[in-house]
Amino acid sequence: MGLDTKPLSTLHGKSSYDLEDFPVPTGREESWRFTPLSRLRGLHDGTAPVTGSVVVEVHPSPEVSVETVGRDDSRVGKAYVPADRVSVQAFTSFEKATVITVPKEAVTSEPTVVNLRGESAEGATYGHLVVVVEPLAQAVVVLDHRGSAVYADNVEFVVGDGASLRVVSLQDWAGDAVHVSHHHAQLAKDATFKSFVVTLGGDLVRLSPSVSYTGRGGDADLSGLYFADAGQHLEHRLLVDHSVPDCRSHVDYRGALQGDEAHAVWIGDVIIRVEATGTDTYELNRNLILTDGARADSVPNLEILTGEVAGAGHASASGRLDDEHTFYLQARGIPYEEARRLVVRGYFAQLIQKIEVEEIRDRVLAAVEAELAR
């Protein structure tokens, strides 16, 4: 399979299954300029020895089926064509893919949990996951990443007519982990997709969620929370491609940073094509910088190719803790450190409440508390 020459936009113009179609990035490219390539440990240039291991364990809801398939399975790569070199490297290098299927009209009784446990950061490994939600079905899927790894993977979410999928992706890696991942959701007519990304661990994590539509009435809600500590690089690059009329998307990512050389990057690209009349979209990113030496880069991009939209907007803000908020609490007898924690809790609270899996919600709350206690 060669290069897809159909132009997508001035923001993203190339997709392919072939590695040779993507030159090794130098860091001067727009899509790589924020990423410290030297810390990717060879994932970007093919020099990473494939000697690592990430164990995948699926704990399915009783209503769903789970299969381990080869790369020749027709469901693999059907919804998503890789859009950069690491993604296509992962696509051409994985050995087995996991396929989770939610049958037509099924309503799952509990979340399906996919545990991905890295066993070593000494060598790279690659993976692929496909989640198919058939028409009118409803499901919740949790992706839980832990351990040490140098890992690149692609995840495809295929949501059928009238179906609903809610996904929680938790990046809780060990401090030496490197993870580069693409999550792509393909929404059919009247499909609903809600994603919540939590990125806390790892030395370098670069996650690229994307959404495309194949029928009217698709609705995507993408939320994210990240907390970068000293030396961490946490990068989220989103793309929502509106190519069908009367679809909706809403993006809300919030981060906090503390410690020397803590670095967070958020890129939000929304494209409204000529044919996507009636689109309703909004994207928001906020970053709370808690200490000196931390840096946040936030770049929202909105490309509108039709004047017939229901709504389109974006916003981005990065700044320090508001002194007025902490002063208000201190004036009521609350010590500064506790006042600081209360303000940050409030900053994240609205987002965390959107996590529908209680166990994961409690775990994220505990993780934020642990970060603030440092």
Protein backbone atom coordinates (compact mmCIF):
# COMPACT_ATOMS: atom_id res chain seq x y z
CA MET A 1 0.00 0.00 0.00
CA GLY A 2 1.54 3.28 -1.11
CA LEU A 3 1.14 6.93 -0.49
CA ASP A 4 -2.35 8.36 -0.17
CA THR A 5 -2.07 11.38 -2.46
CA LYS A 6 -5.50 12.82 -1.70
CA PRO A 7 -4.78 16.19 -0.06
CA LEU A 8 -6.24 16.53 3.41
CA SER A 9 -5.33 20.12 4.21
CA THR A 10 -2.44 22.49 4.53
CA LEU A 11 -1.96 21.12 8.06
CA HIS A 12 -1.81 17.39 7.35
CA GLY A 13 -1.16 16.38 3.76
CA LYS A 14 0.28 12.89 3.78
CA SER A 15 -0.67 9.42 4.97
CA SER A 16 0.77 6.07 3.96
CA TYR A 17 1.35 2.48 5.02
CA ASP A 18 4.88 2.52 3.58
CA LEU A 19 7.85 3.55 5.70
CA GLU A 20 9.79 4.89 2.71
CA ASP A 21 7.17 7.61 2.21
CA PHE A 22 8.30 9.32 5.43
CA PRO A 23 11.85 10.68 5.69
CA VAL A 24 13.59 10.41 9.05
CA PRO A 25 12.55 13.55 10.98
CA THR A 26 15.22 16.10 11.76
CA GLY A 27 13.28 18.25 14.23
CA ARG A 28 12.82 21.06 11.73
CA GLU A 29 9.46 19.71 10.55
CA GLU A 30 6.34 21.36 11.95
CA SER A 31 5.08 18.04 13.33
CA TRP A 32 8.37 17.28 15.12
CA ARG A 33 9.72 20.68 16.15
CA PHE A 34 8.68 20.34 19.80
CA THR A 35 9.72 16.70 20.24
CA PRO A 36 13.25 15.99 21.58
CA LEU A 37 14.20 13.37 18.99
CA SER A 38 17.30 12.29 20.90
CA ARG A 39 15.04 10.98 23.66
CA LEU A 40 12.96 8.76 21.35
CA ARG A 41 15.64 6.05 21.59
CA GLY A 42 15.55 5.24 17.90
CA LEU A 43 11.77 4.97 17.42
CA HIS A 44 11.89 7.73 14.79
CA ASP A 45 14.80 6.51 12.67
CA GLY A 46 14.60 2.72 12.81
CA THR A 47 17.70 2.24 14.96
CA ALA A 48 15.83 1.01 18.05
CA PRO A 49 16.58 -2.69 18.66
CA VAL A 50 13.31 -4.64 18.79
CA THR A 51 14.12 -6.45 22.01
CA GLY A 52 11.61 -4.90 24.40
CA SER A 53 8.38 -6.35 25.70
CA VAL A 54 4.93 -4.98 26.48
CA VAL A 55 2.49 -7.58 27.79
CA VAL A 56 -1.13 -7.00 26.74
CA GLU A 57 -3.84 -8.46 28.97
CA VAL A 58 -7.52 -7.87 28.21
CA HIS A 59 -10.21 -8.21 30.86
CA PRO A 60 -13.35 -8.04 28.73
CA SER A 61 -16.91 -7.30 29.60
CA PRO A 62 -18.95 -10.51 29.18
CA GLU A 63 -20.69 -9.13 26.10
CA VAL A 64 -17.56 -8.52 23.99
CA SER A 65 -15.18 -10.79 22.10
CA VAL A 66 -11.38 -10.56 22.08
CA GLU A 67 -9.09 -11.96 19.40
CA THR A 68 -5.37 -11.98 18.74
CA VAL A 69 -4.81 -11.75 14.99
CA GLY A 70 -2.03 -11.41 12.46
CA ARG A 71 -1.27 -8.32 10.45
CA ASP A 72 -3.15 -9.76 7.45
CA ASP A 73 -6.51 -9.51 9.27
CA SER A 74 -8.85 -7.30 7.21
CA ARG A 75 -9.84 -5.23 10.26
CA VAL A 76 -6.29 -4.05 10.91
CA GLY A 77 -5.48 -0.74 9.27
CA LYS A 78 -8.96 -0.35 7.80
CA ALA A 79 -9.91 2.81 9.70
CA TYR A 80 -6.53 4.52 10.02
CA VAL A 81 -3.63 5.21 7.65
CA PRO A 82 -0.41 6.24 9.47
CA ALA A 83 0.45 9.93 9.19
CA ASP A 84 4.08 10.06 10.38
CA ARG A 85 7.19 7.91 10.43
CA VAL A 86 6.86 6.48 13.95
CA SER A 87 3.24 5.54 13.33
CA VAL A 88 4.06 3.71 10.11
CA GLN A 89 7.09 2.11 11.80
CA ALA A 90 4.73 0.72 14.43
CA PHE A 91 2.29 -0.42 11.73
CA THR A 92 4.95 -2.29 9.77
CA SER A 93 6.67 -3.77 12.84
CA PHE A 94 4.00 -5.22 15.14
CA GLU A 95 3.66 -9.00 15.18
CA LYS A 96 0.16 -9.55 16.59
CA ALA A 97 -2.82 -7.24 16.95
CA THR A 98 -5.60 -7.34 19.53
CA VAL A 99 -9.14 -6.96 18.17
CA ILE A 100 -12.01 -6.21 20.57
CA THR A 101 -15.53 -6.44 19.13
CA VAL A 102 -18.74 -5.20 20.73
CA PRO A 103 -21.63 -6.90 18.88
CA LYS A 104 -24.58 -5.10 17.38
CA GLU A 105 -27.02 -3.58 19.91
CA ALA A 106 -25.05 -4.91 22.90
CA VAL A 107 -24.80 -2.75 26.00
CA THR A 108 -21.79 -3.81 28.02
CA SER A 109 -22.35 -4.45 31.71
CA GLU A 110 -18.86 -3.37 32.78
CA PRO A 111 -15.77 -1.73 31.29
CA THR A 112 -13.38 -3.73 29.15
CA VAL A 113 -9.90 -3.14 30.58
CA VAL A 114 -6.75 -3.49 28.49
CA ASN A 115 -3.65 -3.65 30.67
CA LEU A 116 -0.40 -2.88 28.84
CA ARG A 117 2.60 -3.61 31.05
CA GLY A 118 6.10 -2.75 29.92
CA GLU A 119 8.78 -5.15 31.12
CA SER A 120 11.94 -3.35 29.96
CA ALA A 121 13.12 -0.04 28.53
CA GLU A 122 16.28 -1.62 27.08
CA GLY A 123 14.77 -2.23 23.63
CA ALA A 124 11.77 -1.13 21.58
CA THR A 125 8.51 -2.92 20.91
CA TYR A 126 5.44 -2.20 18.77
CA GLY A 127 1.73 -2.85 19.11
CA HIS A 128 -1.67 -2.52 17.46
CA LEU A 129 -5.18 -2.51 18.93
CA VAL A 130 -8.54 -2.40 17.14
CA VAL A 131 -11.84 -1.74 18.94
CA VAL A 132 -14.96 -2.31 16.81
CA VAL A 133 -18.30 -1.16 18.21
CA GLU A 134 -21.04 -2.41 15.93
CA PRO A 135 -24.24 -0.43 15.21
CA LEU A 136 -26.35 0.63 18.21
CA ALA A 137 -23.94 -0.95 20.71
CA GLN A 138 -22.58 0.81 23.81
CA ALA A 139 -19.24 0.15 25.51
CA VAL A 140 -16.58 1.50 27.85
CA VAL A 141 -12.91 0.65 27.26
CA VAL A 142 -9.97 1.42 29.57
CA LEU A 143 -6.36 1.39 28.33
CA ASP A 144 -3.98 1.20 31.29
CA HIS A 145 -0.26 1.65 30.55
CA ARG A 146 2.32 0.87 33.24
CA GLY A 147 5.89 -0.28 33.64
CA SER A 148 9.09 0.41 31.69
CA ALA A 149 9.08 0.37 27.88
CA VAL A 150 10.13 1.98 24.64
CA TYR A 151 6.83 1.52 22.86
CA ALA A 152 5.12 2.73 19.70
CA ASP A 153 1.61 1.67 18.73
CA ASN A 154 -1.56 2.50 16.82
CA VAL A 155 -5.09 2.17 18.20
CA GLU A 156 -8.17 2.15 15.95
CA PHE A 157 -11.64 2.82 17.31
CA VAL A 158 -14.38 2.00 14.80
CA VAL A 159 -17.77 3.20 16.03
CA GLY A 160 -20.78 2.05 14.00
CA ASP A 161 -24.12 3.71 13.22
CA GLY A 162 -25.81 4.94 16.38
CA ALA A 163 -23.19 3.30 18.57
CA SER A 164 -21.48 4.81 21.62
CA LEU A 165 -17.90 4.28 22.82
CA ARG A 166 -16.28 5.79 25.90
CA VAL A 167 -12.53 5.38 26.27
CA VAL A 168 -10.17 6.16 29.15
CA SER A 169 -6.46 6.01 28.29
CA LEU A 170 -4.13 6.19 31.28
CA GLN A 171 -0.40 6.73 30.70
CA ASP A 172 1.02 5.85 34.12
CA TRP A 173 4.43 4.64 32.93
CA ALA A 174 7.59 4.31 34.98
CA GLY A 175 10.00 7.23 34.83
CA ASP A 176 12.22 5.67 32.13
CA ALA A 177 9.46 4.88 29.62
CA VAL A 178 9.09 6.31 26.11
CA HIS A 179 5.68 6.00 24.46
CA VAL A 180 4.62 7.27 21.03
CA SER A 181 1.03 6.44 20.15
CA HIS A 182 -1.71 7.28 17.67
CA HIS A 183 -5.38 6.86 18.61
CA HIS A 184 -7.81 7.18 15.72
CA ALA A 185 -11.60 7.14 16.04
CA GLN A 186 -13.77 6.65 12.95
CA LEU A 187 -17.38 7.63 13.59
CA ALA A 188 -20.31 6.47 11.49
CA LYS A 189 -23.78 8.05 11.29
CA ASP A 190 -25.05 9.31 14.69
CA ALA A 191 -22.11 7.66 16.50
CA THR A 192 -20.83 9.02 19.81
CA PHE A 193 -17.21 8.86 20.94
CA LYS A 194 -15.93 10.16 24.27
CA SER A 195 -12.23 9.96 25.06
CA PHE A 196 -10.47 10.85 28.29
CA VAL A 197 -6.65 10.83 28.23
CA VAL A 198 -4.64 10.96 31.46
CA THR A 199 -0.85 11.34 31.09
CA LEU A 200 1.21 11.26 34.26
CA GLY A 201 4.23 8.97 33.91
CA GLY A 202 7.06 8.35 31.50
CA ASP A 203 10.20 10.14 30.45
CA LEU A 204 8.68 11.09 27.08
CA VAL A 205 5.09 10.51 26.01
CA ARG A 206 3.77 11.71 22.65
CA LEU A 207 0.11 10.83 22.07
CA SER A 208 -1.79 11.77 18.90
CA PRO A 209 -5.57 11.31 19.08
CA SER A 210 -7.50 11.88 15.83
CA VAL A 211 -11.13 11.68 14.72
CA SER A 212 -12.78 11.26 11.32
CA TYR A 213 -16.44 10.96 10.33
CA THR A 214 -18.17 8.76 7.75
CA GLY A 215 -21.79 9.77 8.40
CA ARG A 216 -23.90 12.69 9.59
CA GLY A 217 -24.54 13.24 13.27
CA GLY A 218 -21.19 12.03 14.59
CA ASP A 219 -20.31 13.45 18.01
CA ALA A 220 -16.77 13.43 19.47
CA ASP A 221 -15.78 14.66 22.93
CA LEU A 222 -12.03 14.60 23.63
CA SER A 223 -10.81 15.43 27.13
CA GLY A 224 -7.36 15.19 28.64
CA LEU A 225 -5.40 15.77 31.84
CA TYR A 226 -1.63 15.78 32.21
CA PHE A 227 0.84 16.61 34.96
CA ALA A 228 4.49 17.09 33.98
CA ASP A 229 7.29 16.88 36.54
CA ALA A 230 10.95 17.88 36.28
CA GLY A 231 12.52 16.62 33.05
CA GLN A 232 9.34 15.07 31.67
CA HIS A 233 8.19 15.73 28.10
CA LEU A 234 4.44 15.19 27.65
CA GLU A 235 3.07 15.95 24.19
CA HIS A 236 -0.49 15.69 22.87
CA ARG A 237 -1.23 16.35 19.19
CA LEU A 238 -4.91 16.25 18.26
CA LEU A 239 -6.55 16.24 14.84
CA VAL A 240 -10.31 16.39 14.23
CA ASP A 241 -11.15 16.10 10.54
CA HIS A 242 -14.68 17.28 9.77
CA SER A 243 -15.46 16.00 6.28
CA VAL A 244 -19.18 15.20 6.71
CA PRO A 245 -22.07 17.63 7.33
CA ASP A 246 -23.77 18.12 10.69
CA CYS A 247 -21.14 16.62 13.01
CA ARG A 248 -19.81 17.87 16.33
CA SER A 249 -16.53 17.90 18.22
CA HIS A 250 -15.47 19.32 21.56
CA VAL A 251 -11.90 19.27 22.93
CA ASP A 252 -10.82 20.18 26.47
CA TYR A 253 -7.27 19.40 27.64
CA ARG A 254 -5.77 20.75 30.85
CA GLY A 255 -2.28 20.39 32.23
CA ALA A 256 -0.12 21.32 35.18
CA LEU A 257 3.66 21.55 35.24
CA GLN A 258 6.24 21.69 38.01
CA GLY A 259 10.00 21.28 38.20
CA ASP A 260 13.00 22.24 36.10
CA GLU A 261 12.62 21.41 32.40
CA ALA A 262 9.12 20.01 32.77
CA HIS A 263 7.71 20.43 29.27
CA ALA A 264 4.17 20.02 27.99
CA VAL A 265 3.12 20.40 24.36
CA TRP A 266 -0.46 20.57 23.13
CA ILE A 267 -1.32 20.91 19.44
CA GLY A 268 -5.00 21.05 18.47
CA ASP A 269 -5.82 20.87 14.77
CA VAL A 270 -9.45 21.05 13.64
CA ILE A 271 -10.25 20.97 9.94
CA ILE A 272 -13.70 21.81 8.56
CA ARG A 273 -13.75 20.84 4.92
CA VAL A 274 -15.87 22.44 2.22
CA GLU A 275 -18.47 19.67 2.37
CA ALA A 276 -18.74 19.70 6.20
CA THR A 277 -21.57 22.22 6.48
CA GLY A 278 -23.35 22.46 9.82
CA THR A 279 -20.22 21.56 11.82
CA ASP A 280 -20.18 22.54 15.50
CA THR A 281 -16.71 22.49 17.06
CA TYR A 282 -14.73 24.02 19.90
CA GLU A 283 -11.29 23.28 21.35
CA LEU A 284 -9.71 24.47 24.60
CA ASN A 285 -6.31 23.99 26.22
CA ARG A 286 -5.17 25.34 29.58
CA ASN A 287 -1.81 24.99 31.31
CA LEU A 288 -1.03 25.82 34.92
CA ILE A 289 2.69 26.46 35.50
CA LEU A 290 3.43 25.84 39.17
CA THR A 291 7.20 26.47 39.37
CA ASP A 292 10.04 28.20 37.61
CA GLY A 293 11.81 26.19 34.92
CA ALA A 294 8.65 24.58 33.49
CA ARG A 295 7.46 25.31 29.95
CA ALA A 296 4.16 24.82 28.14
CA ASP A 297 3.63 25.15 24.39
CA SER A 298 0.03 25.39 23.24
CA VAL A 299 -0.96 25.76 19.58
CA PRO A 300 -4.64 25.61 18.58
CA ASN A 301 -5.27 25.54 14.82
CA LEU A 302 -8.68 25.93 13.22
CA GLU A 303 -8.91 25.56 9.44
CA ILE A 304 -12.38 26.41 8.06
CA LEU A 305 -13.05 25.80 4.38
CA THR A 306 -16.79 26.55 4.42
CA GLY A 307 -18.79 29.49 5.72
CA GLU A 308 -21.80 27.36 6.66
CA VAL A 309 -20.96 26.18 10.17
CA ALA A 310 -23.08 25.99 13.31
CA GLY A 311 -20.16 27.08 15.46
CA ALA A 312 -16.36 27.03 15.50
CA GLY A 313 -13.88 28.36 18.03
CA HIS A 314 -10.78 27.72 20.04
CA ALA A 315 -8.96 29.05 23.09
CA SER A 316 -5.64 28.53 24.81
CA ALA A 317 -4.21 29.86 28.08
CA SER A 318 -1.01 29.19 30.00
CA GLY A 319 -0.04 30.92 33.20
CA ARG A 320 0.91 30.87 36.84
CA LEU A 321 -1.22 30.04 39.84
CA ASP A 322 -3.57 32.95 40.53
CA ASP A 323 -2.32 34.81 43.60
CA GLU A 324 -5.81 36.12 44.31
CA HIS A 325 -7.15 32.58 44.70
CA THR A 326 -4.47 31.52 47.15
CA PHE A 327 -4.72 34.83 49.03
CA TYR A 328 -8.49 34.36 49.41
CA LEU A 329 -7.94 30.95 51.00
CA GLN A 330 -5.04 32.09 53.17
CA ALA A 331 -7.18 34.96 54.49
CA ARG A 332 -9.49 32.28 55.86
CA GLY A 333 -6.73 30.56 57.78
CA ILE A 334 -5.67 27.97 55.22
CA PRO A 335 -1.86 27.53 54.96
CA TYR A 336 -0.29 28.37 51.60
CA GLU A 337 0.60 24.81 50.56
CA GLU A 338 -2.90 23.56 51.32
CA ALA A 339 -4.39 26.59 49.51
CA ARG A 340 -2.21 25.76 46.49
CA ARG A 341 -3.45 22.16 46.48
CA LEU A 342 -7.08 23.28 46.72
CA VAL A 343 -6.71 25.61 43.74
CA VAL A 344 -5.13 22.91 41.57
CA ARG A 345 -7.76 20.37 42.62
CA GLY A 346 -10.46 22.81 41.55
CA TYR A 347 -8.66 23.41 38.26
CA PHE A 348 -8.82 19.68 37.42
CA ALA A 349 -12.07 18.77 39.22
CA GLN A 350 -14.52 19.46 36.39
CA LEU A 351 -12.52 17.29 34.01
CA ILE A 352 -11.93 14.42 36.43
CA GLN A 353 -15.64 14.14 37.10
CA LYS A 354 -16.09 13.23 33.44
CA ILE A 355 -14.25 9.93 33.99
CA GLU A 356 -17.09 7.43 34.16
CA VAL A 357 -15.10 4.55 35.65
CA GLU A 358 -15.06 5.14 39.41
CA GLU A 359 -11.90 3.12 40.05
CA ILE A 360 -9.96 5.11 37.45
CA ARG A 361 -11.42 8.41 38.66
CA ASP A 362 -10.26 7.68 42.22
CA ARG A 363 -6.85 6.62 40.95
CA VAL A 364 -6.41 9.86 38.99
CA LEU A 365 -7.47 11.94 41.98
CA ALA A 366 -4.93 10.11 44.14
CA ALA A 367 -2.22 10.63 41.50
CA VAL A 368 -2.89 14.37 41.34
CA GLU A 369 -2.71 14.55 45.12
CA ALA A 370 0.62 12.69 45.05
CA GLU A 371 1.98 15.13 42.46
CA LEU A 372 0.95 18.11 44.58
CA ALA A 373 2.55 16.62 47.67
CA ARG A 374 5.99 16.59 45.98
